[in-house]
């Protein structure tokens, strides 16, 4: 704050000026930090011109859907299986194949089914050597 006398007045008046030096210093520091942290822009990209034909699309894998109803009934591709022995027999068929040739087994439980039934089916698949197994239907649990 500076004190100055106005023309024709004997009383000093306060002149209010904002000191902009610290503001400019902070802005310059921020500008330098921004310049340093921005990654270099590379204006190049890889282009595969190729000379060989594109690889053939691999065949889609065989998928078996094991649905488990709310009452514990197990379905293998929409065919009901009677008891644990039938589930074990199907899993043994899949597990007997070589790992590369095994079909995928997708287990799709109902959200109301007892977890013990789902665990029994998964245990059967694991004990018989099924390597390609997945669980479907997690989106129904989100609600």
N, C-alpha and C. Protein backbone atom coordinates (compact mmCIF):
# COMPACT_ATOMS: atom_id res chain seq x y z
N UNK A 1 0.85 -1.15 0.00
CA UNK A 1 0.00 0.00 0.00
C UNK A 1 0.91 1.22 0.00
N UNK A 2 0.58 2.13 -0.83
CA UNK A 2 1.36 3.36 -0.92
C UNK A 2 0.49 4.52 -0.47
N UNK A 3 1.14 5.48 0.09
CA UNK A 3 0.44 6.69 0.47
C UNK A 3 0.87 7.79 -0.48
N UNK A 4 -0.11 8.44 -1.03
CA UNK A 4 0.21 9.53 -1.96
C UNK A 4 -0.72 10.70 -1.66
N UNK A 5 -0.30 11.83 -2.06
CA UNK A 5 -1.14 13.00 -1.86
C UNK A 5 -1.82 13.33 -3.17
N UNK A 6 -3.06 13.59 -3.08
CA UNK A 6 -3.80 13.96 -4.28
C UNK A 6 -3.53 15.43 -4.55
N UNK A 7 -3.70 15.80 -5.77
CA UNK A 7 -3.44 17.19 -6.12
C UNK A 7 -4.45 18.10 -5.44
N UNK A 8 -3.95 19.08 -4.79
CA UNK A 8 -4.80 20.05 -4.13
C UNK A 8 -5.25 19.62 -2.76
N UNK A 9 -4.87 18.46 -2.29
CA UNK A 9 -5.31 17.98 -0.98
C UNK A 9 -4.08 17.74 -0.12
N UNK A 10 -4.20 18.09 1.12
CA UNK A 10 -3.07 17.90 2.03
C UNK A 10 -3.12 16.55 2.74
N UNK A 11 -4.27 15.88 2.65
CA UNK A 11 -4.37 14.57 3.31
C UNK A 11 -3.87 13.48 2.38
N UNK A 12 -3.06 12.57 2.90
CA UNK A 12 -2.61 11.47 2.05
C UNK A 12 -3.76 10.47 1.81
N UNK A 13 -3.79 9.92 0.61
CA UNK A 13 -4.80 8.91 0.27
C UNK A 13 -4.09 7.60 -0.05
N UNK A 14 -4.75 6.49 0.28
CA UNK A 14 -4.17 5.17 0.04
C UNK A 14 -4.41 4.76 -1.40
N UNK A 15 -3.35 4.32 -2.06
CA UNK A 15 -3.47 3.78 -3.41
C UNK A 15 -3.43 2.25 -3.30
N UNK A 16 -4.45 1.60 -3.78
CA UNK A 16 -4.53 0.14 -3.70
C UNK A 16 -4.13 -0.45 -5.04
N UNK A 17 -3.01 -1.14 -5.07
CA UNK A 17 -2.56 -1.82 -6.27
C UNK A 17 -2.27 -3.27 -5.92
N UNK A 18 -2.63 -4.16 -6.81
CA UNK A 18 -2.38 -5.59 -6.60
C UNK A 18 -0.97 -5.90 -7.07
N UNK A 19 -0.24 -6.58 -6.22
CA UNK A 19 1.11 -6.99 -6.58
C UNK A 19 0.99 -8.24 -7.45
N UNK A 20 1.26 -8.10 -8.73
CA UNK A 20 1.08 -9.21 -9.67
C UNK A 20 2.33 -10.05 -9.84
N UNK A 21 3.42 -9.69 -9.24
CA UNK A 21 4.66 -10.45 -9.40
C UNK A 21 4.52 -11.90 -8.90
N UNK A 22 3.98 -12.14 -7.71
CA UNK A 22 3.83 -13.55 -7.29
C UNK A 22 2.88 -14.33 -8.19
N UNK A 23 1.84 -13.67 -8.68
CA UNK A 23 0.90 -14.34 -9.57
C UNK A 23 1.58 -14.76 -10.87
N UNK A 24 2.39 -13.89 -11.41
CA UNK A 24 3.12 -14.22 -12.65
C UNK A 24 4.11 -15.33 -12.39
N UNK A 25 4.79 -15.30 -11.25
CA UNK A 25 5.75 -16.37 -10.92
C UNK A 25 5.06 -17.73 -10.84
N UNK A 26 3.92 -17.78 -10.18
CA UNK A 26 3.19 -19.05 -10.06
C UNK A 26 2.72 -19.53 -11.42
N UNK A 27 2.23 -18.64 -12.25
CA UNK A 27 1.76 -19.04 -13.58
C UNK A 27 2.91 -19.58 -14.44
N UNK A 28 4.09 -18.96 -14.33
CA UNK A 28 5.24 -19.45 -15.09
C UNK A 28 5.67 -20.83 -14.62
N UNK A 29 5.66 -21.04 -13.32
CA UNK A 29 6.02 -22.37 -12.79
C UNK A 29 5.02 -23.42 -13.28
N UNK A 30 3.74 -23.11 -13.24
CA UNK A 30 2.73 -24.04 -13.73
C UNK A 30 2.88 -24.32 -15.22
N UNK A 31 3.22 -23.30 -15.99
CA UNK A 31 3.42 -23.47 -17.42
C UNK A 31 4.61 -24.39 -17.69
N UNK A 32 5.70 -24.20 -16.97
CA UNK A 32 6.87 -25.05 -17.14
C UNK A 32 6.54 -26.49 -16.75
N UNK A 33 5.81 -26.68 -15.66
CA UNK A 33 5.42 -28.04 -15.24
C UNK A 33 4.54 -28.70 -16.29
N UNK A 34 3.64 -27.95 -16.88
CA UNK A 34 2.77 -28.48 -17.93
C UNK A 34 3.58 -28.91 -19.14
N UNK A 35 4.53 -28.07 -19.54
CA UNK A 35 5.35 -28.39 -20.71
C UNK A 35 6.19 -29.64 -20.45
N UNK A 36 6.70 -29.79 -19.25
CA UNK A 36 7.54 -30.94 -18.92
C UNK A 36 6.71 -32.22 -18.89
N UNK A 37 5.49 -32.16 -18.36
CA UNK A 37 4.70 -33.38 -18.18
C UNK A 37 3.96 -33.83 -19.42
N UNK A 38 3.80 -33.00 -20.41
CA UNK A 38 3.13 -33.41 -21.64
C UNK A 38 4.06 -34.35 -22.41
N UNK A 39 3.59 -35.54 -22.77
CA UNK A 39 4.46 -36.45 -23.51
C UNK A 39 4.72 -35.94 -24.92
N UNK A 40 5.83 -36.39 -25.47
CA UNK A 40 6.16 -36.00 -26.84
C UNK A 40 5.15 -36.61 -27.78
N UNK A 41 4.74 -35.85 -28.73
CA UNK A 41 3.79 -36.35 -29.72
C UNK A 41 4.56 -36.98 -30.86
N UNK A 42 4.29 -38.24 -31.09
CA UNK A 42 4.92 -38.93 -32.20
C UNK A 42 3.91 -39.00 -33.33
N UNK A 43 4.27 -38.47 -34.44
CA UNK A 43 3.36 -38.45 -35.57
C UNK A 43 3.68 -39.58 -36.54
N UNK A 44 3.82 -40.77 -36.00
CA UNK A 44 4.06 -41.92 -36.84
C UNK A 44 3.20 -43.07 -36.34
N UNK A 45 2.94 -44.00 -37.19
CA UNK A 45 2.17 -45.16 -36.81
C UNK A 45 2.64 -46.33 -37.65
N UNK A 46 2.46 -47.52 -37.10
CA UNK A 46 2.88 -48.72 -37.80
C UNK A 46 1.85 -49.11 -38.85
N UNK A 47 2.31 -49.41 -40.01
CA UNK A 47 1.42 -49.81 -41.09
C UNK A 47 1.91 -51.14 -41.63
N UNK A 48 1.09 -52.13 -41.49
CA UNK A 48 1.44 -53.46 -41.97
C UNK A 48 1.04 -53.57 -43.43
N UNK A 49 2.02 -53.43 -44.30
CA UNK A 49 1.74 -53.53 -45.72
C UNK A 49 1.51 -54.98 -46.09
N UNK A 50 2.22 -55.84 -45.40
CA UNK A 50 2.01 -57.28 -45.58
C UNK A 50 2.42 -57.77 -46.95
N UNK A 51 2.64 -59.02 -47.02
CA UNK A 51 2.97 -59.66 -48.27
C UNK A 51 2.37 -61.04 -48.28
N UNK A 52 2.01 -61.49 -47.09
CA UNK A 52 1.41 -62.81 -46.99
C UNK A 52 -0.10 -62.66 -46.82
N UNK A 53 -0.84 -63.66 -47.20
CA UNK A 53 -2.30 -63.57 -47.04
C UNK A 53 -2.66 -63.57 -45.56
N UNK A 54 -3.78 -62.99 -45.22
CA UNK A 54 -4.18 -62.98 -43.81
C UNK A 54 -4.44 -64.39 -43.31
N UNK A 55 -4.19 -64.58 -42.04
CA UNK A 55 -4.39 -65.90 -41.44
C UNK A 55 -5.87 -66.26 -41.48
N UNK A 56 -6.12 -67.52 -41.69
CA UNK A 56 -7.51 -67.99 -41.75
C UNK A 56 -8.13 -67.89 -40.37
N UNK A 57 -9.41 -67.59 -40.34
CA UNK A 57 -10.11 -67.51 -39.07
C UNK A 57 -10.16 -68.89 -38.43
N UNK A 58 -9.78 -68.97 -37.16
CA UNK A 58 -9.84 -70.28 -36.51
C UNK A 58 -11.30 -70.71 -36.35
N UNK A 59 -11.56 -71.99 -36.35
CA UNK A 59 -12.94 -72.44 -36.20
C UNK A 59 -13.45 -72.10 -34.80
N UNK A 60 -14.73 -71.85 -34.72
CA UNK A 60 -15.33 -71.55 -33.42
C UNK A 60 -15.34 -72.82 -32.58
N UNK A 61 -15.03 -72.68 -31.30
CA UNK A 61 -14.98 -73.87 -30.45
C UNK A 61 -16.38 -74.41 -30.17
N UNK A 62 -16.43 -75.69 -29.89
CA UNK A 62 -17.69 -76.32 -29.49
C UNK A 62 -17.98 -75.88 -28.06
N UNK A 63 -19.21 -75.48 -27.81
CA UNK A 63 -19.60 -74.99 -26.49
C UNK A 63 -20.76 -75.82 -25.97
N UNK A 64 -20.62 -76.33 -24.76
CA UNK A 64 -21.71 -77.02 -24.07
C UNK A 64 -22.17 -76.12 -22.93
N UNK A 65 -23.47 -75.83 -22.89
CA UNK A 65 -24.02 -74.98 -21.83
C UNK A 65 -24.67 -75.88 -20.79
N UNK A 66 -24.17 -75.78 -19.57
CA UNK A 66 -24.73 -76.54 -18.45
C UNK A 66 -25.57 -75.56 -17.64
N UNK A 67 -26.89 -75.66 -17.80
CA UNK A 67 -27.81 -74.78 -17.08
C UNK A 67 -28.25 -75.46 -15.80
N UNK A 68 -28.32 -74.69 -14.74
CA UNK A 68 -28.78 -75.21 -13.45
C UNK A 68 -30.01 -74.41 -13.06
N UNK A 69 -31.14 -75.10 -12.99
CA UNK A 69 -32.41 -74.45 -12.69
C UNK A 69 -32.51 -74.12 -11.21
N UNK A 70 -33.51 -73.31 -10.85
CA UNK A 70 -33.65 -72.86 -9.47
C UNK A 70 -33.86 -74.00 -8.49
N UNK A 71 -34.42 -75.12 -8.95
CA UNK A 71 -34.67 -76.26 -8.06
C UNK A 71 -33.50 -77.25 -8.04
N UNK A 72 -32.41 -76.95 -8.74
CA UNK A 72 -31.23 -77.81 -8.73
C UNK A 72 -31.16 -78.77 -9.89
N UNK A 73 -32.11 -78.70 -10.82
CA UNK A 73 -32.08 -79.57 -11.99
C UNK A 73 -30.97 -79.10 -12.93
N UNK A 74 -30.14 -80.05 -13.37
CA UNK A 74 -29.01 -79.73 -14.23
C UNK A 74 -29.36 -80.11 -15.66
N UNK A 75 -29.14 -79.18 -16.59
CA UNK A 75 -29.41 -79.40 -18.01
C UNK A 75 -28.10 -79.32 -18.78
N UNK A 76 -27.86 -80.28 -19.65
CA UNK A 76 -26.70 -80.29 -20.53
C UNK A 76 -27.21 -79.98 -21.92
N UNK A 77 -26.95 -78.81 -22.43
CA UNK A 77 -27.46 -78.36 -23.73
C UNK A 77 -28.97 -78.58 -23.83
N UNK A 78 -29.71 -78.11 -22.85
CA UNK A 78 -31.17 -78.16 -22.78
C UNK A 78 -31.73 -79.57 -22.61
N UNK A 79 -30.92 -80.55 -22.25
CA UNK A 79 -31.41 -81.90 -21.94
C UNK A 79 -31.15 -82.15 -20.46
N UNK A 80 -32.20 -82.51 -19.74
CA UNK A 80 -32.10 -82.71 -18.30
C UNK A 80 -31.23 -83.92 -17.99
N UNK A 81 -30.36 -83.77 -16.99
CA UNK A 81 -29.53 -84.88 -16.52
C UNK A 81 -30.09 -85.36 -15.19
N UNK A 82 -30.16 -86.67 -15.04
CA UNK A 82 -30.74 -87.24 -13.82
C UNK A 82 -29.64 -87.58 -12.84
N UNK A 83 -29.44 -86.73 -11.88
CA UNK A 83 -28.52 -87.00 -10.79
C UNK A 83 -27.08 -86.64 -11.07
N UNK A 84 -26.30 -86.81 -10.04
CA UNK A 84 -24.88 -86.47 -10.08
C UNK A 84 -24.10 -87.41 -11.00
N UNK A 85 -24.52 -88.67 -11.08
CA UNK A 85 -23.81 -89.64 -11.92
C UNK A 85 -23.87 -89.24 -13.39
N UNK A 86 -25.00 -88.71 -13.84
CA UNK A 86 -25.12 -88.28 -15.23
C UNK A 86 -24.23 -87.07 -15.51
N UNK A 87 -24.15 -86.15 -14.54
CA UNK A 87 -23.26 -84.99 -14.68
C UNK A 87 -21.81 -85.46 -14.74
N UNK A 88 -21.45 -86.40 -13.86
CA UNK A 88 -20.08 -86.92 -13.86
C UNK A 88 -19.75 -87.61 -15.18
N UNK A 89 -20.72 -88.34 -15.76
CA UNK A 89 -20.48 -89.04 -17.03
C UNK A 89 -20.22 -88.04 -18.15
N UNK A 90 -20.99 -86.96 -18.21
CA UNK A 90 -20.79 -85.94 -19.25
C UNK A 90 -19.43 -85.24 -19.06
N UNK A 91 -19.10 -84.90 -17.83
CA UNK A 91 -17.82 -84.24 -17.57
C UNK A 91 -16.66 -85.17 -17.88
N UNK A 92 -16.84 -86.47 -17.65
CA UNK A 92 -15.79 -87.43 -17.95
C UNK A 92 -15.57 -87.54 -19.45
N UNK A 93 -16.66 -87.46 -20.24
CA UNK A 93 -16.53 -87.48 -21.70
C UNK A 93 -15.69 -86.29 -22.19
N UNK A 94 -15.98 -85.11 -21.63
CA UNK A 94 -15.25 -83.91 -22.04
C UNK A 94 -13.81 -83.97 -21.55
N UNK A 95 -13.61 -84.41 -20.32
CA UNK A 95 -12.27 -84.46 -19.74
C UNK A 95 -11.37 -85.50 -20.38
N UNK A 96 -11.95 -86.51 -21.02
CA UNK A 96 -11.16 -87.56 -21.66
C UNK A 96 -10.48 -87.07 -22.93
N UNK A 97 -10.97 -86.01 -23.51
CA UNK A 97 -10.37 -85.47 -24.73
C UNK A 97 -9.08 -84.72 -24.38
N UNK A 98 -8.21 -84.58 -25.38
CA UNK A 98 -6.99 -83.80 -25.18
C UNK A 98 -7.36 -82.36 -24.87
N UNK A 99 -6.51 -81.68 -24.11
CA UNK A 99 -6.82 -80.31 -23.66
C UNK A 99 -7.06 -79.37 -24.83
N UNK A 100 -6.34 -79.55 -25.93
CA UNK A 100 -6.51 -78.66 -27.08
C UNK A 100 -7.83 -78.92 -27.81
N UNK A 101 -8.36 -80.12 -27.70
CA UNK A 101 -9.58 -80.49 -28.42
C UNK A 101 -10.83 -80.45 -27.54
N UNK A 102 -10.68 -80.09 -26.29
CA UNK A 102 -11.83 -80.08 -25.39
C UNK A 102 -12.81 -78.97 -25.77
N UNK A 103 -14.10 -79.27 -25.73
CA UNK A 103 -15.08 -78.20 -25.93
C UNK A 103 -15.15 -77.34 -24.67
N UNK A 104 -15.68 -76.15 -24.83
CA UNK A 104 -15.87 -75.27 -23.69
C UNK A 104 -17.13 -75.67 -22.94
N UNK A 105 -17.07 -75.62 -21.62
CA UNK A 105 -18.22 -75.92 -20.78
C UNK A 105 -18.60 -74.63 -20.07
N UNK A 106 -19.78 -74.10 -20.41
CA UNK A 106 -20.28 -72.87 -19.80
C UNK A 106 -21.35 -73.23 -18.78
N UNK A 107 -21.11 -72.91 -17.54
CA UNK A 107 -22.06 -73.21 -16.47
C UNK A 107 -22.90 -71.96 -16.24
N UNK A 108 -24.22 -72.15 -16.36
CA UNK A 108 -25.14 -71.01 -16.24
C UNK A 108 -26.15 -71.31 -15.13
N UNK A 109 -25.84 -70.90 -13.89
CA UNK A 109 -26.78 -71.17 -12.79
C UNK A 109 -27.87 -70.11 -12.71
N UNK A 110 -29.02 -70.53 -12.21
CA UNK A 110 -30.10 -69.61 -11.90
C UNK A 110 -29.72 -68.87 -10.62
N UNK A 111 -30.17 -67.64 -10.48
CA UNK A 111 -29.75 -66.86 -9.30
C UNK A 111 -30.39 -67.37 -8.02
N UNK A 112 -31.41 -68.20 -8.12
CA UNK A 112 -32.08 -68.72 -6.92
C UNK A 112 -31.59 -70.11 -6.52
N UNK A 113 -30.70 -70.71 -7.29
CA UNK A 113 -30.26 -72.07 -7.01
C UNK A 113 -29.33 -72.09 -5.80
N UNK A 114 -29.36 -73.20 -5.07
CA UNK A 114 -28.47 -73.40 -3.94
C UNK A 114 -27.04 -73.50 -4.46
N UNK A 115 -26.12 -72.81 -3.80
CA UNK A 115 -24.73 -72.79 -4.26
C UNK A 115 -24.09 -74.17 -4.24
N UNK A 116 -24.57 -75.06 -3.38
CA UNK A 116 -24.00 -76.41 -3.29
C UNK A 116 -24.13 -77.17 -4.60
N UNK A 117 -25.23 -76.96 -5.31
CA UNK A 117 -25.43 -77.64 -6.59
C UNK A 117 -24.42 -77.11 -7.61
N UNK A 118 -24.23 -75.81 -7.65
CA UNK A 118 -23.27 -75.20 -8.58
C UNK A 118 -21.86 -75.67 -8.25
N UNK A 119 -21.53 -75.71 -6.97
CA UNK A 119 -20.20 -76.15 -6.55
C UNK A 119 -19.98 -77.61 -6.91
N UNK A 120 -21.02 -78.43 -6.82
CA UNK A 120 -20.89 -79.85 -7.17
C UNK A 120 -20.61 -80.02 -8.65
N UNK A 121 -21.28 -79.24 -9.51
CA UNK A 121 -21.05 -79.31 -10.95
C UNK A 121 -19.63 -78.85 -11.28
N UNK A 122 -19.20 -77.76 -10.66
CA UNK A 122 -17.84 -77.26 -10.91
C UNK A 122 -16.79 -78.24 -10.39
N UNK A 123 -17.06 -78.86 -9.27
CA UNK A 123 -16.14 -79.85 -8.72
C UNK A 123 -16.04 -81.07 -9.63
N UNK A 124 -17.16 -81.48 -10.18
CA UNK A 124 -17.17 -82.60 -11.11
C UNK A 124 -16.34 -82.28 -12.35
N UNK A 125 -16.50 -81.07 -12.87
CA UNK A 125 -15.73 -80.67 -14.05
C UNK A 125 -14.24 -80.66 -13.74
N UNK A 126 -13.87 -80.14 -12.58
CA UNK A 126 -12.46 -80.07 -12.23
C UNK A 126 -11.87 -81.45 -11.99
N UNK A 127 -12.61 -82.31 -11.31
CA UNK A 127 -12.07 -83.64 -10.99
C UNK A 127 -11.94 -84.53 -12.22
N UNK A 128 -12.70 -84.24 -13.28
CA UNK A 128 -12.62 -85.05 -14.49
C UNK A 128 -11.72 -84.42 -15.55
N UNK A 129 -11.03 -83.32 -15.21
CA UNK A 129 -10.03 -82.76 -16.10
C UNK A 129 -10.55 -81.81 -17.15
N UNK A 130 -11.69 -81.20 -16.93
CA UNK A 130 -12.21 -80.21 -17.88
C UNK A 130 -11.38 -78.93 -17.71
N UNK A 131 -10.74 -78.50 -18.78
CA UNK A 131 -9.83 -77.35 -18.72
C UNK A 131 -10.48 -76.05 -19.18
N UNK A 132 -11.49 -76.13 -20.02
CA UNK A 132 -12.11 -74.91 -20.57
C UNK A 132 -13.51 -74.78 -19.97
N UNK A 133 -13.58 -74.09 -18.85
CA UNK A 133 -14.84 -73.96 -18.13
C UNK A 133 -15.05 -72.50 -17.75
N UNK A 134 -16.29 -72.05 -17.85
CA UNK A 134 -16.61 -70.68 -17.47
C UNK A 134 -17.99 -70.62 -16.84
N UNK A 135 -18.24 -69.54 -16.11
CA UNK A 135 -19.54 -69.34 -15.46
C UNK A 135 -20.22 -68.16 -16.13
N UNK A 136 -21.45 -68.36 -16.56
CA UNK A 136 -22.24 -67.32 -17.20
C UNK A 136 -23.32 -66.83 -16.27
N UNK A 137 -23.87 -65.67 -16.58
CA UNK A 137 -25.05 -65.19 -15.87
C UNK A 137 -24.75 -64.30 -14.68
N UNK A 138 -23.55 -63.74 -14.61
CA UNK A 138 -23.25 -62.83 -13.49
C UNK A 138 -24.08 -61.55 -13.57
N UNK A 139 -24.56 -61.20 -14.77
CA UNK A 139 -25.35 -59.98 -14.89
C UNK A 139 -26.69 -60.08 -14.16
N UNK A 140 -27.20 -61.30 -13.96
CA UNK A 140 -28.47 -61.44 -13.24
C UNK A 140 -28.30 -61.21 -11.75
N UNK A 141 -27.08 -61.28 -11.26
CA UNK A 141 -26.82 -61.05 -9.85
C UNK A 141 -26.68 -59.58 -9.52
N UNK A 142 -26.51 -58.74 -10.53
CA UNK A 142 -26.32 -57.32 -10.30
C UNK A 142 -27.58 -56.62 -9.84
N UNK A 143 -28.73 -57.17 -10.15
CA UNK A 143 -29.98 -56.49 -9.78
C UNK A 143 -30.38 -56.78 -8.36
